[in-house]
Amino acid sequence: MERRPSRLLTAGMVLLLLYSVLPLFWLVVNSTKTQGALFSSFGLWFSGPFALFDNIQQVFTYGDGVFARWLANTFLYVVVGAGGATFLATLAGYGLAKFDFPGKKGAFAVVIAAIAVPGSALAVPTFLLFSQLGLTNTPWSVMIPSLVTPFGLFLMWSYARESIPDELVEAARMDGAGEFRTFFTISLRLLAPGIVSVLLLEIVGTWNNYFLPLIMLSDPQWYPLTVGLNQWSEQANTAGGEAVFNLVITGSLITIVPIIVAFLFLQRFWQSGLAAGSVKQ
């Protein structure tokens, strides 16, 4: 018997889709408007002269081109922070899944407990620690905390435990392969979908990180995009400040483009890794 699609379910999915796409549509529409047109036109449709390319040019030239510096800083924090966090989570998760050592249960319990602690609760203690080390207002104060990802470690532990048969590791050891060779030539390929998943999570988390750099950094030259654009947004409320909401909106649109590109690029490896893993297992 052929099952008829539920109209109620379809309508609900369409509403959820519209709810998800609407903020992005608003961002695209308002990035094409001038400062004056933002407050004199309907926010969900185009109006006035098409100013997208002028806004983009102003974004990269306003404030002596500081936006480009913020963009470069964000890439630096993502490459070192997200890349390093993914690499360390992969090593640690694999080690917890495939090696027995004294204190393993205790270490795993610490990881589980760390997942339950929100990052905002650790921001102030982290700031005090880095202040004592003299690392505040430096890029290290943003990159080093980003290297720790308890959830990513747990995810890699779970994936390594299920995707890599113990017999395969034991066979490699019996053939004389060392632990590093076994990991980099055999296990790493099977862990590819999990690695990409953690990498995507860390890229998005580091790219959108706001609170940590806000309290760690006082020099605008080291700001990431999140803090820098918020500074532009708030400068209209300061004495003598200039309202540049059109640049804030256009800068926000530029900010999400690398995230979309990264997701589309890594999605290929994610899907191919899942397919390869299903065939091998």
Protein backbone atom coordinates (compact mmCIF):
# COMPACT_ATOMS: atom_id res chain seq x y z
CA MET A 1 0.00 0.00 0.00
CA GLU A 2 1.44 3.34 -1.04
CA ARG A 3 1.88 5.77 1.82
CA ARG A 4 0.56 9.26 1.19
CA PRO A 5 2.76 12.16 2.29
CA SER A 6 1.50 14.04 5.32
CA ARG A 7 0.43 17.57 4.45
CA LEU A 8 0.87 18.67 8.03
CA LEU A 9 4.41 17.32 8.14
CA THR A 10 5.23 18.93 4.79
CA ALA A 11 3.87 22.27 5.95
CA GLY A 12 5.89 22.02 9.15
CA MET A 13 9.10 21.28 7.25
CA VAL A 14 8.46 24.23 4.92
CA LEU A 15 7.97 26.53 7.91
CA LEU A 16 11.21 25.29 9.48
CA LEU A 17 13.02 25.82 6.19
CA LEU A 18 11.72 29.38 5.91
CA TYR A 19 12.63 30.04 9.53
CA SER A 20 16.19 28.87 8.87
CA VAL A 21 16.67 30.71 5.57
CA LEU A 22 14.98 33.99 6.53
CA PRO A 23 17.94 35.48 8.49
CA LEU A 24 20.30 34.70 5.61
CA PHE A 25 17.87 36.23 3.11
CA TRP A 26 17.58 39.35 5.29
CA LEU A 27 21.38 39.59 5.43
CA VAL A 28 21.75 39.32 1.65
CA VAL A 29 18.98 41.84 0.96
CA ASN A 30 20.23 44.47 3.39
CA SER A 31 23.83 44.10 2.24
CA THR A 32 22.72 45.69 -1.03
CA LYS A 33 21.43 48.87 0.65
CA THR A 34 23.07 52.12 1.61
CA GLN A 35 23.15 53.38 5.18
CA GLY A 36 20.11 55.60 4.55
CA ALA A 37 18.08 52.92 2.76
CA LEU A 38 18.46 50.51 5.71
CA PHE A 39 16.06 52.56 7.85
CA SER A 40 13.78 53.89 5.14
CA SER A 41 12.81 50.67 3.33
CA PHE A 42 11.22 47.30 3.98
CA GLY A 43 13.83 45.01 5.50
CA LEU A 44 12.87 41.88 3.58
CA TRP A 45 13.10 43.26 0.07
CA PHE A 46 15.48 45.22 -2.14
CA SER A 47 15.14 48.99 -2.24
CA GLY A 48 17.13 52.00 -3.38
CA PRO A 49 20.37 51.88 -5.37
CA PHE A 50 22.17 48.52 -5.51
CA ALA A 51 25.12 49.20 -3.21
CA LEU A 52 26.53 45.72 -2.53
CA PHE A 53 29.83 46.22 -4.34
CA ASP A 54 30.24 49.73 -2.90
CA ASN A 55 29.61 48.33 0.59
CA ILE A 56 32.18 45.56 0.06
CA GLN A 57 34.75 48.13 -1.05
CA GLN A 58 34.02 50.31 1.97
CA VAL A 59 34.25 47.32 4.32
CA PHE A 60 37.82 46.65 3.23
CA THR A 61 38.86 50.33 3.23
CA TYR A 62 37.09 51.63 6.33
CA GLY A 63 39.33 52.23 9.35
CA ASP A 64 42.52 51.92 7.31
CA GLY A 65 41.53 48.46 6.10
CA VAL A 66 41.28 46.92 9.57
CA PHE A 67 38.62 44.45 8.37
CA ALA A 68 41.23 42.60 6.31
CA ARG A 69 43.39 42.34 9.44
CA TRP A 70 40.45 40.95 11.41
CA LEU A 71 39.79 38.45 8.63
CA ALA A 72 43.44 37.33 8.66
CA ASN A 73 43.34 37.03 12.46
CA THR A 74 40.24 34.85 12.27
CA PHE A 75 41.89 32.57 9.71
CA LEU A 76 44.93 32.31 11.99
CA TYR A 77 42.80 31.38 14.99
CA VAL A 78 40.88 28.81 12.95
CA VAL A 79 43.93 27.19 11.33
CA VAL A 80 45.88 26.90 14.59
CA GLY A 81 42.97 26.50 17.02
CA ALA A 82 40.51 24.36 15.07
CA GLY A 83 43.22 22.43 13.21
CA GLY A 84 45.22 21.78 16.36
CA ALA A 85 42.13 20.86 18.37
CA THR A 86 41.06 18.34 15.72
CA PHE A 87 44.53 16.78 15.57
CA LEU A 88 44.83 16.50 19.36
CA ALA A 89 41.28 15.17 19.70
CA THR A 90 42.01 12.53 17.07
CA LEU A 91 45.18 11.36 18.81
CA ALA A 92 43.63 11.38 22.27
CA GLY A 93 40.37 9.76 21.17
CA TYR A 94 42.23 7.00 19.34
CA GLY A 95 44.50 6.45 22.32
CA LEU A 96 41.59 6.16 24.74
CA ALA A 97 39.78 3.77 22.41
CA LYS A 98 42.65 1.43 21.49
CA PHE A 99 45.15 1.50 24.37
CA ASP A 100 44.92 0.32 27.97
CA PHE A 101 46.92 2.29 30.52
CA PRO A 102 46.73 3.10 34.26
CA GLY A 103 44.18 5.81 34.98
CA LYS A 104 42.28 5.36 31.71
CA LYS A 105 38.88 5.32 33.41
CA GLY A 106 39.76 8.39 35.43
CA ALA A 107 40.93 10.26 32.33
CA PHE A 108 37.75 9.35 30.49
CA ALA A 109 35.66 10.51 33.45
CA VAL A 110 37.44 13.88 33.36
CA VAL A 111 36.65 14.20 29.65
CA ILE A 112 32.97 13.43 30.24
CA ALA A 113 32.82 15.93 33.10
CA ALA A 114 34.54 18.60 30.99
CA ILE A 115 31.83 18.29 28.33
CA ALA A 116 29.24 19.35 30.89
CA VAL A 117 31.13 22.55 31.79
CA PRO A 118 30.16 25.49 29.54
CA GLY A 119 33.01 27.40 27.99
CA SER A 120 31.72 30.71 29.36
CA ALA A 121 32.17 29.41 32.90
CA LEU A 122 35.88 28.87 32.25
CA ALA A 123 36.47 32.20 30.49
CA VAL A 124 37.28 34.23 33.58
CA PRO A 125 39.59 31.61 35.18
CA THR A 126 41.29 31.23 31.81
CA PHE A 127 41.77 34.99 31.61
CA LEU A 128 43.31 35.11 35.10
CA LEU A 129 45.65 32.23 34.23
CA PHE A 130 46.82 33.82 30.99
CA SER A 131 47.15 37.17 32.73
CA GLN A 132 49.58 35.62 35.21
CA LEU A 133 51.52 34.14 32.28
CA GLY A 134 51.61 37.49 30.48
CA LEU A 135 49.83 36.14 27.41
CA THR A 136 46.71 38.29 27.40
CA ASN A 137 46.26 40.63 24.45
CA THR A 138 48.23 38.21 22.27
CA PRO A 139 46.93 35.70 19.70
CA TRP A 140 48.12 32.87 21.97
CA SER A 141 45.41 33.74 24.48
CA VAL A 142 42.81 32.83 21.85
CA MET A 143 44.56 29.93 20.11
CA ILE A 144 45.75 27.92 23.11
CA PRO A 145 42.31 27.56 24.80
CA SER A 146 40.85 26.62 21.41
CA LEU A 147 43.12 23.57 21.30
CA VAL A 148 41.06 21.89 24.03
CA THR A 149 37.83 20.26 22.83
CA PRO A 150 36.38 17.67 25.23
CA PHE A 151 33.37 17.02 23.01
CA GLY A 152 35.59 16.52 19.96
CA LEU A 153 37.75 14.10 21.96
CA PHE A 154 34.67 12.16 23.05
CA LEU A 155 33.39 12.09 19.48
CA MET A 156 36.70 10.73 18.18
CA TRP A 157 36.83 8.15 21.00
CA SER A 158 33.35 6.95 20.08
CA TYR A 159 34.13 6.85 16.36
CA ALA A 160 37.51 5.12 16.80
CA ARG A 161 35.96 2.54 19.09
CA GLU A 162 33.33 1.58 16.52
CA SER A 163 35.08 2.10 13.17
CA ILE A 164 38.48 0.50 13.78
CA PRO A 165 38.38 -3.25 14.54
CA ASP A 166 40.82 -4.34 17.22
CA GLU A 167 41.76 -7.28 14.99
CA LEU A 168 43.00 -4.87 12.33
CA VAL A 169 45.26 -3.05 14.77
CA GLU A 170 46.57 -6.32 16.18
CA ALA A 171 47.28 -7.64 12.68
CA ALA A 172 49.31 -4.52 11.87
CA ARG A 173 51.30 -4.95 15.07
CA MET A 174 52.00 -8.62 14.31
CA ASP A 175 53.29 -7.60 10.88
CA GLY A 176 55.84 -5.39 12.58
CA ALA A 177 54.21 -1.99 12.09
CA GLY A 178 54.85 0.51 14.85
CA GLU A 179 52.07 2.39 16.59
CA PHE A 180 52.62 5.62 14.66
CA ARG A 181 52.76 3.78 11.34
CA THR A 182 49.60 1.88 12.19
CA PHE A 183 47.84 5.09 13.12
CA PHE A 184 48.88 7.20 10.13
CA THR A 185 48.63 4.52 7.41
CA ILE A 186 45.63 2.47 8.56
CA SER A 187 43.59 4.02 11.35
CA LEU A 188 43.65 7.59 10.06
CA ARG A 189 41.86 6.63 6.85
CA LEU A 190 39.09 4.86 8.73
CA LEU A 191 38.75 7.86 11.06
CA ALA A 192 38.32 10.33 8.18
CA PRO A 193 34.55 10.91 8.57
CA GLY A 194 34.93 11.47 12.32
CA ILE A 195 37.88 13.81 11.77
CA VAL A 196 35.92 15.88 9.26
CA SER A 197 32.96 16.05 11.65
CA VAL A 198 35.13 17.33 14.49
CA LEU A 199 36.96 19.71 12.14
CA LEU A 200 33.68 21.23 10.93
CA LEU A 201 32.47 21.70 14.50
CA GLU A 202 35.75 23.29 15.55
CA ILE A 203 35.93 25.55 12.50
CA VAL A 204 32.44 26.90 13.15
CA GLY A 205 33.06 27.22 16.88
CA THR A 206 36.39 29.02 16.48
CA TRP A 207 35.16 31.21 13.62
CA ASN A 208 32.16 32.35 15.68
CA ASN A 209 34.06 32.61 18.96
CA TYR A 210 33.20 35.93 20.59
CA PHE A 211 33.36 35.90 24.38
CA LEU A 212 36.89 34.53 24.78
CA PRO A 213 38.62 37.03 22.45
CA LEU A 214 36.44 39.80 23.88
CA ILE A 215 37.90 39.39 27.36
CA MET A 216 41.39 38.34 26.25
CA LEU A 217 42.12 41.04 23.68
CA SER A 218 42.22 44.81 24.06
CA ASP A 219 44.21 45.69 20.94
CA PRO A 220 41.86 45.99 17.90
CA GLN A 221 44.71 44.79 15.68
CA TRP A 222 44.28 41.28 17.15
CA TYR A 223 40.46 41.18 17.08
CA PRO A 224 38.70 38.42 15.16
CA LEU A 225 35.79 39.32 12.91
CA THR A 226 33.16 38.71 15.59
CA VAL A 227 34.61 41.22 18.04
CA GLY A 228 35.62 43.71 15.35
CA LEU A 229 32.20 43.87 13.70
CA ASN A 230 30.56 44.27 17.09
CA GLN A 231 32.89 47.20 17.75
CA TRP A 232 31.72 48.82 14.50
CA SER A 233 28.12 48.21 15.50
CA GLU A 234 28.53 49.84 18.91
CA GLN A 235 30.58 52.83 17.85
CA ALA A 236 27.37 54.68 16.84
CA ASN A 237 26.46 54.77 20.55
CA THR A 238 29.71 56.47 21.55
CA ALA A 239 30.34 60.20 21.55
CA GLY A 240 31.34 61.27 18.06
CA GLY A 241 30.96 57.72 16.75
CA GLU A 242 29.93 57.07 13.16
CA ALA A 243 27.01 54.77 12.30
CA VAL A 244 28.16 52.19 9.76
CA PHE A 245 25.42 49.58 10.03
CA ASN A 246 25.55 48.95 6.29
CA LEU A 247 29.20 47.96 6.66
CA VAL A 248 28.43 45.76 9.67
CA ILE A 249 25.76 43.89 7.71
CA THR A 250 27.93 43.55 4.60
CA GLY A 251 30.89 42.46 6.75
CA SER A 252 28.67 39.83 8.39
CA LEU A 253 27.74 38.52 4.95
CA ILE A 254 31.41 38.30 3.98
CA THR A 255 32.11 36.55 7.28
CA ILE A 256 29.79 33.60 6.60
CA VAL A 257 31.11 32.96 3.08
CA PRO A 258 34.30 31.10 4.22
CA ILE A 259 32.20 28.90 6.52
CA ILE A 260 29.91 27.91 3.65
CA VAL A 261 32.91 27.23 1.40
CA ALA A 262 34.59 25.13 4.10
CA PHE A 263 31.46 23.06 4.62
CA LEU A 264 30.95 22.44 0.90
CA PHE A 265 34.63 21.52 0.49
CA LEU A 266 34.81 19.17 3.49
CA GLN A 267 31.43 17.59 2.76
CA ARG A 268 32.98 15.67 -0.15
CA PHE A 269 35.53 14.01 2.14
CA TRP A 270 32.83 13.38 4.71
CA GLN A 271 30.57 11.53 2.28
CA SER A 272 33.41 9.66 0.55
CA GLY A 273 34.82 8.65 3.94
CA LEU A 274 31.48 7.29 5.09
CA ALA A 275 31.10 5.31 1.87
CA ALA A 276 34.64 3.94 2.09
CA GLY A 277 34.19 3.00 5.74
CA SER A 278 30.96 1.12 5.00
CA VAL A 279 32.66 -0.88 2.24
CA LYS A 280 35.75 -1.73 4.31
CA GLN A 281 33.76 -2.82 7.30
